[in-house]
Amino acid sequence: MKFAMIFPGQGSQRTDILFKLSKTFPIIKNTFDEASDYINHNLWKYINGNYNNNFKNNEYIPALILTTSVSLYYTWKKKTKKFLI
């Protein structure tokens, strides 16, 4: 069986969902920490609700979308590990 994952792009931001998921799946926050270290900017501050910003004008949108997608992929992979061949 083959799987495909499709991730949303810009304009579909709802950080409250990702923040809630991170409470159950710490790999999400860990992925954001790793990405933040790599680009030398705290991406998690946009997710945890402590940053009030208009995302349409944010220069970090591409990094946020990519990091969100990767963190959700890692979460899915970890949860479905026993089902993968």
C-alpha atoms as a PDB file:
ATOM      1  CA  MET A   1       0.000   0.000   0.000  1.00  0.00           C
ATOM      2  CA  LYS A   2       1.306   3.451  -0.916  1.00  0.00           C
ATOM      3  CA  PHE A   3       0.619   6.688   0.905  1.00  0.00           C
ATOM      4  CA  ALA A   4       0.752  10.300  -0.161  1.00  0.00           C
ATOM      5  CA  MET A   5       0.734  13.367   2.039  1.00  0.00           C
ATOM      6  CA  ILE A   6      -0.454  16.759   0.890  1.00  0.00           C
ATOM      7  CA  PHE A   7       0.375  19.799   2.985  1.00  0.00           C
ATOM      8  CA  PRO A   8      -1.459  23.135   2.894  1.00  0.00           C
ATOM      9  CA  GLY A   9       0.317  26.296   1.856  1.00  0.00           C
ATOM     10  CA  GLN A  10       0.177  29.920   2.880  1.00  0.00           C
ATOM     11  CA  GLY A  11      -3.218  31.246   3.855  1.00  0.00           C
ATOM     12  CA  SER A  12      -4.215  28.205   5.879  1.00  0.00           C
ATOM     13  CA  GLN A  13      -2.544  29.125   9.149  1.00  0.00           C
ATOM     14  CA  ARG A  14      -4.268  28.093  12.370  1.00  0.00           C
ATOM     15  CA  THR A  15      -1.510  27.883  14.925  1.00  0.00           C
ATOM     16  CA  ASP A  16      -3.840  26.866  17.738  1.00  0.00           C
ATOM     17  CA  ILE A  17      -4.279  23.395  16.218  1.00  0.00           C
ATOM     18  CA  LEU A  18      -0.547  22.777  15.926  1.00  0.00           C
ATOM     19  CA  PHE A  19       0.052  24.077  19.432  1.00  0.00           C
ATOM     20  CA  LYS A  20      -2.558  21.674  20.844  1.00  0.00           C
ATOM     21  CA  LEU A  21      -1.069  18.762  18.893  1.00  0.00           C
ATOM     22  CA  SER A  22       2.380  19.543  20.275  1.00  0.00           C
ATOM     23  CA  LYS A  23       1.111  18.787  23.788  1.00  0.00           C
ATOM     24  CA  THR A  24       0.431  15.190  22.724  1.00  0.00           C
ATOM     25  CA  PHE A  25       3.291  14.858  20.234  1.00  0.00           C
ATOM     26  CA  PRO A  26       6.501  16.513  21.509  1.00  0.00           C
ATOM     27  CA  ILE A  27       8.216  15.727  18.202  1.00  0.00           C
ATOM     28  CA  ILE A  28       6.401  18.776  16.797  1.00  0.00           C
ATOM     29  CA  LYS A  29       8.066  21.181  19.230  1.00  0.00           C
ATOM     30  CA  ASN A  30      11.386  19.358  18.809  1.00  0.00           C
ATOM     31  CA  THR A  31      11.212  19.849  15.040  1.00  0.00           C
ATOM     32  CA  PHE A  32      10.535  23.559  15.525  1.00  0.00           C
ATOM     33  CA  ASP A  33      13.479  23.807  17.928  1.00  0.00           C
ATOM     34  CA  GLU A  34      15.775  22.163  15.381  1.00  0.00           C
ATOM     35  CA  ALA A  35      14.593  24.401  12.545  1.00  0.00           C
ATOM     36  CA  SER A  36      14.870  27.485  14.758  1.00  0.00           C
ATOM     37  CA  ASP A  37      18.457  26.604  15.620  1.00  0.00           C
ATOM     38  CA  TYR A  38      19.249  26.124  11.948  1.00  0.00           C
ATOM     39  CA  ILE A  39      17.931  29.525  10.837  1.00  0.00           C
ATOM     40  CA  ASN A  40      18.850  31.291  14.083  1.00  0.00           C
ATOM     41  CA  HIS A  41      15.299  32.514  14.695  1.00  0.00           C
ATOM     42  CA  ASN A  42      12.668  31.259  17.141  1.00  0.00           C
ATOM     43  CA  LEU A  43       9.868  29.907  14.934  1.00  0.00           C
ATOM     44  CA  TRP A  44       7.946  28.458  17.866  1.00  0.00           C
ATOM     45  CA  LYS A  45       7.006  31.930  19.099  1.00  0.00           C
ATOM     46  CA  TYR A  46       4.606  32.184  16.153  1.00  0.00           C
ATOM     47  CA  ILE A  47       2.951  28.888  17.105  1.00  0.00           C
ATOM     48  CA  ASN A  48       2.633  29.093  20.884  1.00  0.00           C
ATOM     49  CA  GLY A  49       0.335  32.102  20.838  1.00  0.00           C
ATOM     50  CA  ASN A  50       2.789  34.510  22.465  1.00  0.00           C
ATOM     51  CA  TYR A  51       3.358  36.410  19.253  1.00  0.00           C
ATOM     52  CA  ASN A  52       0.615  38.552  17.790  1.00  0.00           C
ATOM     53  CA  ASN A  53       1.539  39.038  14.158  1.00  0.00           C
ATOM     54  CA  ASN A  54      -0.100  39.354  10.786  1.00  0.00           C
ATOM     55  CA  PHE A  55       1.178  36.245   9.030  1.00  0.00           C
ATOM     56  CA  LYS A  56       0.608  37.716   5.580  1.00  0.00           C
ATOM     57  CA  ASN A  57       3.542  40.089   6.084  1.00  0.00           C
ATOM     58  CA  ASN A  58       5.873  37.726   7.897  1.00  0.00           C
ATOM     59  CA  GLU A  59       9.215  36.942   6.262  1.00  0.00           C
ATOM     60  CA  TYR A  60       9.330  33.597   8.074  1.00  0.00           C
ATOM     61  CA  ILE A  61       6.176  32.164   6.462  1.00  0.00           C
ATOM     62  CA  PRO A  62       8.085  29.763   4.159  1.00  0.00           C
ATOM     63  CA  ALA A  63      10.119  28.419   7.096  1.00  0.00           C
ATOM     64  CA  LEU A  64       6.982  28.099   9.230  1.00  0.00           C
ATOM     65  CA  ILE A  65       5.079  26.210   6.538  1.00  0.00           C
ATOM     66  CA  LEU A  66       7.990  23.871   5.839  1.00  0.00           C
ATOM     67  CA  THR A  67       8.649  23.224   9.534  1.00  0.00           C
ATOM     68  CA  THR A  68       4.965  22.589  10.184  1.00  0.00           C
ATOM     69  CA  SER A  69       4.791  20.121   7.304  1.00  0.00           C
ATOM     70  CA  VAL A  70       7.946  18.300   8.385  1.00  0.00           C
ATOM     71  CA  SER A  71       6.817  18.122  12.014  1.00  0.00           C
ATOM     72  CA  LEU A  72       3.445  16.668  10.997  1.00  0.00           C
ATOM     73  CA  TYR A  73       5.175  14.169   8.720  1.00  0.00           C
ATOM     74  CA  TYR A  74       7.448  13.087  11.595  1.00  0.00           C
ATOM     75  CA  THR A  75       4.395  12.745  13.843  1.00  0.00           C
ATOM     76  CA  TRP A  76       2.545  10.650  11.269  1.00  0.00           C
ATOM     77  CA  LYS A  77       5.621   8.517  10.643  1.00  0.00           C
ATOM     78  CA  LYS A  78       6.078   7.846  14.344  1.00  0.00           C
ATOM     79  CA  LYS A  79       2.403   7.001  14.881  1.00  0.00           C
ATOM     80  CA  THR A  80       2.196   4.699  11.843  1.00  0.00           C
ATOM     81  CA  LYS A  81       5.606   3.076  12.198  1.00  0.00           C
ATOM     82  CA  LYS A  82       4.121  -0.328  12.923  1.00  0.00           C
ATOM     83  CA  PHE A  83       2.043  -0.115   9.716  1.00  0.00           C
ATOM     84  CA  LEU A  84       4.893   0.745   7.380  1.00  0.00           C
ATOM     85  CA  ILE A  85       6.746  -1.948   5.509  1.00  0.00           C
END
